[in-house]
Protein backbone atom coordinates (compact mmCIF):
# COMPACT_ATOMS: atom_id res chain seq x y z
CA MET A 1 98.98 87.99 120.97
CA THR A 2 101.02 84.85 120.65
CA LEU A 3 103.33 84.17 117.72
CA ASP A 4 100.83 81.64 116.35
CA GLU A 5 97.99 84.18 116.51
CA ILE A 6 100.11 86.75 114.69
CA GLU A 7 101.04 84.22 112.00
CA LYS A 8 97.41 83.19 111.50
CA HIS A 9 96.27 86.81 111.29
CA THR A 10 99.02 87.60 108.76
CA ILE A 11 98.05 84.63 106.58
CA LEU A 12 94.37 85.63 106.69
CA GLN A 13 95.26 89.20 105.71
CA ALA A 14 97.41 87.98 102.83
CA LEU A 15 94.61 85.68 101.62
CA ASP A 16 92.24 88.62 101.63
CA LEU A 17 94.66 90.96 99.85
CA GLN A 18 95.51 88.37 97.18
CA ASN A 19 91.86 87.29 96.71
CA GLY A 20 92.65 83.74 97.83
CA ASN A 21 95.40 83.16 95.24
CA ILE A 22 97.60 80.66 97.07
CA SER A 23 100.65 81.19 94.86
CA GLN A 24 100.51 84.96 95.36
CA VAL A 25 99.94 84.60 99.11
CA ALA A 26 102.98 82.34 99.45
CA LEU A 27 105.08 84.72 97.35
CA SER A 28 104.00 87.75 99.38
CA LEU A 29 104.80 85.96 102.65
CA GLY A 30 108.16 84.72 101.36
CA ILE A 31 107.36 81.04 101.92
CA SER A 32 106.79 78.10 99.60
CA ARG A 33 103.30 76.98 98.65
CA ALA A 34 103.92 73.71 100.51
CA ALA A 35 104.80 75.64 103.67
CA LEU A 36 101.68 77.77 103.25
CA TYR A 37 99.49 74.67 102.86
CA ARG A 38 100.98 73.26 106.10
CA ARG A 39 100.16 76.48 107.93
CA LEU A 40 96.63 76.61 106.50
CA GLU A 41 96.13 73.06 107.80
CA LYS A 42 97.70 73.92 111.17
CA TYR A 43 95.35 76.87 111.74
CA GLY A 44 92.26 75.26 110.17
CA ILE A 45 91.97 77.94 107.50
CA ASN A 46 89.77 76.99 104.57
CA TYR A 47 90.98 78.39 101.29
C-alpha cells in the first residue's frame, strides 16, 4: 500500500468509528477540521 492509500483507509476507518462526526474524526486523527476537509476532498470521500 502507498502512503496515500494508508491515509485514505485510516480516514475511512475513523469516519466509521465516529459515525461520520467530522469534529471527532479530526480530533481522533490529531489534525484540524480544515486539514481533514482537504483530505476528504483529495480522496473524493463523501461525508
